Amino acid sequence: MKLIVVVPTYNEADNIAAFTTALFALNVPELNVLVVDDESPDGTGKIVDELAAQNDRLHILHRTGLRGLGRAYVAGFCWALERSFDRIIQMDADFSHSPNYIPTLLEKSNEYDVVVGSRYVPGGGHDEHWEAGRIFLSAWANFYARLILRMKVHDATAGFKCWTRHALEIIRLERVRSNGYVFQVEMAYLCQRLKLRVVEIPIYFEDRRIGQSKMSIPVKLEAAWRTWQVGWRHRRVK
């Protein structure tokens, strides 16, 4: 099994060295990591360049031009598919997604097309230090997306997933348009429309250890109204 972890970064200089070290410390044979950096002004890309010079399983894709989470993930997924990886994991670089869940994601990927690290199934949850308003907004955004698009997956906004090569080829990344956090919703919706086999495993979503969250209230509100666009855009996909 050829495995790669795709990690989009923007200003993660304080996290990235420790995060990649944690990934390579896992007992997962031949794990590769691709950092997709959007010209981070804090020097994240340069740090990864230096680390990659010492590790041939660490790769970096320097993106220029238009930034955004969705574009970064699509670029990273395409990079991985072009190099014949057959398991592609997506996750954040701030330790909100624990690397320790990766072996379970991989094990389940032998039976399913997509494995979702879910906060909203039994056993999953949020950091207990989150403010009540933040918990409510996150849960509401997820409920709203599921309601509008009639999705069965419990965590429609999850950013921690293991994709099989087959799943990404069926989705056809060129038709994915979302760029912000609604990218997660669009990918989840396409999984359902295309009848991919999806399973959720419970995860504990930790608050980021260093730095500030990029998920502001305006960003979540934008994702909410763009959910309608996702439904309209893919209404005939099957």
Protein backbone atom coordinates (compact mmCIF):
# COMPACT_ATOMS: atom_id res chain seq x y z
CA MET A 1 0.00 0.00 0.00
CA LYS A 2 1.42 3.39 -1.03
CA LEU A 3 0.31 5.93 1.54
CA ILE A 4 0.65 9.71 1.62
CA VAL A 5 -0.62 12.27 4.10
CA VAL A 6 -1.59 15.56 2.44
CA VAL A 7 -1.30 18.56 4.75
CA PRO A 8 -2.24 22.10 3.60
CA THR A 9 -0.38 24.85 5.46
CA TYR A 10 -0.58 28.58 5.89
CA ASN A 11 1.51 30.07 8.70
CA GLU A 12 2.23 26.81 10.53
CA ALA A 13 5.94 27.44 11.18
CA ASP A 14 5.53 26.75 14.90
CA ASN A 15 3.80 23.41 14.33
CA ILE A 16 5.14 21.82 11.17
CA ALA A 17 8.43 20.31 12.40
CA ALA A 18 6.83 18.65 15.43
CA PHE A 19 3.84 17.55 13.36
CA THR A 20 5.86 15.84 10.62
CA THR A 21 8.06 14.22 13.28
CA ALA A 22 4.92 12.77 14.90
CA LEU A 23 3.74 11.39 11.56
CA PHE A 24 7.02 9.64 10.81
CA ALA A 25 7.16 8.26 14.37
CA LEU A 26 4.04 6.17 13.66
CA ASN A 27 4.55 2.49 13.04
CA VAL A 28 3.27 2.81 9.47
CA PRO A 29 5.60 1.40 6.80
CA GLU A 30 6.62 3.75 3.99
CA LEU A 31 4.37 6.60 5.08
CA ASN A 32 4.94 9.70 2.92
CA VAL A 33 3.94 13.28 3.70
CA LEU A 34 3.10 16.06 1.25
CA VAL A 35 2.93 19.59 2.66
CA VAL A 36 0.99 21.95 0.38
CA ASP A 37 2.06 25.45 1.35
CA ASP A 38 0.29 28.61 0.21
CA GLU A 39 3.25 30.98 0.35
CA SER A 40 3.15 31.23 4.15
CA PRO A 41 4.74 34.54 5.14
CA ASP A 42 6.01 33.01 8.41
CA GLY A 43 8.44 30.74 6.54
CA THR A 44 6.58 27.42 6.83
CA GLY A 45 7.62 26.45 3.31
CA LYS A 46 11.30 27.12 3.97
CA ILE A 47 11.21 25.00 7.12
CA VAL A 48 9.70 22.10 5.19
CA ASP A 49 12.29 22.52 2.42
CA GLU A 50 15.02 22.08 5.02
CA LEU A 51 13.32 19.07 6.60
CA ALA A 52 12.64 17.47 3.20
CA ALA A 53 16.33 17.72 2.30
CA GLN A 54 16.96 15.21 5.09
CA ASN A 55 13.97 12.90 4.48
CA ASP A 56 13.05 11.51 1.07
CA ARG A 57 9.54 10.67 2.27
CA LEU A 58 8.72 14.29 3.04
CA HIS A 59 7.62 16.37 0.05
CA ILE A 60 6.47 19.93 -0.42
CA LEU A 61 4.32 21.60 -3.03
CA HIS A 62 4.77 25.37 -3.09
CA ARG A 63 1.58 26.97 -4.37
CA THR A 64 1.53 30.48 -5.79
CA GLY A 65 -1.32 32.63 -6.96
CA LEU A 66 -4.82 32.06 -5.61
CA ARG A 67 -4.83 30.63 -2.11
CA GLY A 68 -7.41 28.55 -0.31
CA LEU A 69 -8.03 25.27 1.46
CA GLY A 70 -9.96 23.66 -1.37
CA ARG A 71 -7.41 24.57 -4.04
CA ALA A 72 -4.59 23.33 -1.82
CA TYR A 73 -6.25 19.97 -1.23
CA VAL A 74 -7.13 19.45 -4.89
CA ALA A 75 -3.54 20.26 -5.88
CA GLY A 76 -2.23 17.86 -3.26
CA PHE A 77 -4.61 15.08 -4.24
CA CYS A 78 -3.70 15.44 -7.91
CA TRP A 79 0.01 15.35 -7.02
CA ALA A 80 -0.55 12.11 -5.10
CA LEU A 81 -2.62 10.47 -7.84
CA GLU A 82 -0.02 11.33 -10.47
CA ARG A 83 2.57 9.47 -8.36
CA SER A 84 0.44 6.34 -7.94
CA PHE A 85 -0.38 6.60 -4.24
CA ASP A 86 -3.37 4.41 -3.44
CA ARG A 87 -4.21 5.77 0.04
CA ILE A 88 -4.39 9.52 0.58
CA ILE A 89 -5.02 10.95 4.04
CA GLN A 90 -6.02 14.57 4.52
CA MET A 91 -5.51 16.32 7.85
CA ASP A 92 -4.56 19.59 9.54
CA ALA A 93 -1.04 20.45 10.66
CA ASP A 94 -2.00 21.95 14.04
CA PHE A 95 -2.54 18.65 15.96
CA SER A 96 -6.31 19.13 16.07
CA HIS A 97 -6.29 15.81 14.17
CA SER A 98 -4.17 13.36 16.11
CA PRO A 99 -1.74 11.30 14.01
CA ASN A 100 -2.52 8.37 16.33
CA TYR A 101 -5.79 7.74 14.45
CA ILE A 102 -3.99 7.04 11.17
CA PRO A 103 -3.53 3.26 11.66
CA THR A 104 -7.28 2.88 12.28
CA LEU A 105 -8.13 4.96 9.21
CA LEU A 106 -5.88 2.76 7.11
CA GLU A 107 -7.30 -0.47 8.48
CA LYS A 108 -10.85 0.61 7.67
CA SER A 109 -9.81 1.72 4.18
CA ASN A 110 -9.44 -1.94 3.23
CA GLU A 111 -13.24 -2.23 3.43
CA TYR A 112 -14.43 1.28 2.51
CA ASP A 113 -13.73 3.88 -0.16
CA VAL A 114 -13.61 6.77 2.32
CA VAL A 115 -12.93 6.71 6.06
CA VAL A 116 -13.98 9.82 8.00
CA GLY A 117 -12.56 10.89 11.35
CA SER A 118 -15.84 12.01 12.89
CA ARG A 119 -16.66 14.22 15.87
CA TYR A 120 -20.37 13.41 15.69
CA VAL A 121 -20.59 9.65 16.11
CA PRO A 122 -20.60 7.87 19.50
CA GLY A 123 -17.14 8.16 21.04
CA GLY A 124 -16.23 11.31 19.12
CA GLY A 125 -16.10 14.84 20.45
CA HIS A 126 -14.55 18.28 20.77
CA ASP A 127 -11.91 19.73 23.03
CA GLU A 128 -13.54 20.39 26.41
CA HIS A 129 -11.86 23.81 26.54
CA TRP A 130 -13.89 25.11 23.61
CA GLU A 131 -16.28 27.93 24.40
CA ALA A 132 -19.98 27.06 24.26
CA GLY A 133 -20.52 29.43 21.34
CA ARG A 134 -17.80 27.78 19.30
CA ILE A 135 -19.20 24.30 19.96
CA PHE A 136 -22.69 25.46 18.99
CA LEU A 137 -21.53 27.16 15.79
CA SER A 138 -19.56 24.09 14.69
CA ALA A 139 -22.44 21.72 15.42
CA TRP A 140 -24.94 24.06 13.74
CA ALA A 141 -22.80 24.37 10.58
CA ASN A 142 -22.60 20.60 10.35
CA PHE A 143 -26.34 20.09 11.02
CA TYR A 144 -27.20 22.77 8.45
CA ALA A 145 -25.08 21.15 5.74
CA ARG A 146 -26.55 17.71 6.43
CA LEU A 147 -30.09 19.09 6.43
CA ILE A 148 -29.82 21.12 3.23
CA LEU A 149 -28.05 18.35 1.27
CA ARG A 150 -29.80 15.44 3.00
CA MET A 151 -26.53 13.78 3.78
CA LYS A 152 -26.25 10.59 5.81
CA VAL A 153 -22.72 11.20 7.06
CA HIS A 154 -22.77 12.58 10.61
CA ASP A 155 -19.73 14.85 10.23
CA ALA A 156 -20.22 16.58 6.90
CA THR A 157 -17.55 19.19 7.65
CA ALA A 158 -14.84 16.74 8.73
CA GLY A 159 -11.33 17.55 7.54
CA PHE A 160 -9.69 14.29 8.63
CA LYS A 161 -10.25 11.56 6.05
CA CYS A 162 -8.58 8.63 4.34
CA TRP A 163 -9.34 8.37 0.63
CA THR A 164 -8.70 5.41 -1.60
CA ARG A 165 -7.34 6.17 -5.03
CA HIS A 166 -10.54 4.71 -6.46
CA ALA A 167 -12.68 7.22 -4.55
CA LEU A 168 -10.80 10.29 -5.78
CA GLU A 169 -10.82 9.00 -9.35
CA ILE A 170 -14.60 8.46 -9.19
CA ILE A 171 -15.15 11.94 -7.75
CA ARG A 172 -13.09 13.55 -10.55
CA LEU A 173 -11.36 16.41 -8.83
CA GLU A 174 -11.71 18.76 -11.79
CA ARG A 175 -15.40 19.23 -10.95
CA VAL A 176 -14.74 20.25 -7.34
CA ARG A 177 -15.17 24.03 -7.16
CA SER A 178 -15.28 24.93 -3.47
CA ASN A 179 -12.26 26.70 -2.08
CA GLY A 180 -12.95 27.49 1.57
CA TYR A 181 -14.16 25.20 4.33
CA VAL A 182 -17.24 24.28 2.31
CA PHE A 183 -14.77 22.14 0.32
CA GLN A 184 -15.27 19.47 3.00
CA VAL A 185 -19.03 19.59 2.47
CA GLU A 186 -18.72 19.37 -1.30
CA MET A 187 -16.47 16.32 -1.09
CA ALA A 188 -18.81 14.62 1.39
CA TYR A 189 -21.80 15.36 -0.83
CA LEU A 190 -20.09 13.94 -3.91
CA CYS A 191 -19.29 10.78 -1.96
CA GLN A 192 -22.99 10.29 -1.29
CA ARG A 193 -24.16 11.20 -4.80
CA LEU A 194 -21.65 8.76 -6.30
CA LYS A 195 -22.58 6.02 -3.82
CA LEU A 196 -19.07 5.57 -2.46
CA ARG A 197 -18.70 3.36 0.59
CA VAL A 198 -18.15 5.70 3.53
CA VAL A 199 -17.57 4.86 7.20
CA GLU A 200 -17.03 7.17 10.16
CA ILE A 201 -14.72 6.44 13.07
CA PRO A 202 -14.90 8.50 16.27
CA ILE A 203 -12.14 11.03 16.92
CA TYR A 204 -11.46 13.58 19.62
CA PHE A 205 -10.97 16.94 17.95
CA GLU A 206 -8.35 18.75 20.01
CA ASP A 207 -7.93 22.52 20.01
CA ARG A 208 -4.84 23.62 18.10
CA ARG A 209 -1.76 23.64 20.30
CA ILE A 210 -0.08 26.75 18.89
CA GLY A 211 -1.41 29.71 16.93
CA GLN A 212 -4.91 30.95 16.15
CA SER A 213 -7.74 29.10 14.46
CA LYS A 214 -8.44 30.23 10.90
CA MET A 215 -12.09 29.15 11.23
CA SER A 216 -13.78 32.48 12.03
CA ILE A 217 -17.52 33.14 12.28
CA PRO A 218 -17.61 34.92 8.86
CA VAL A 219 -15.87 31.91 7.29
CA LYS A 220 -18.45 29.52 8.73
CA LEU A 221 -21.33 31.76 7.65
CA GLU A 222 -19.94 31.89 4.12
CA ALA A 223 -19.68 28.08 4.12
CA ALA A 224 -23.35 27.89 5.14
CA TRP A 225 -24.71 29.86 2.20
CA ARG A 226 -22.32 28.21 -0.24
CA THR A 227 -23.80 24.84 0.79
CA TRP A 228 -26.77 25.69 -1.44
CA GLN A 229 -24.40 26.17 -4.37
CA VAL A 230 -22.95 22.71 -3.79
CA GLY A 231 -26.39 21.11 -3.94
CA TRP A 232 -27.33 22.94 -7.14
CA ARG A 233 -23.97 22.31 -8.84
CA HIS A 234 -24.07 18.54 -8.33
CA ARG A 235 -27.83 17.93 -8.52
CA ARG A 236 -27.41 15.68 -11.56
CA VAL A 237 -24.24 13.86 -10.49
CA LYS A 238 -24.68 10.12 -10.16
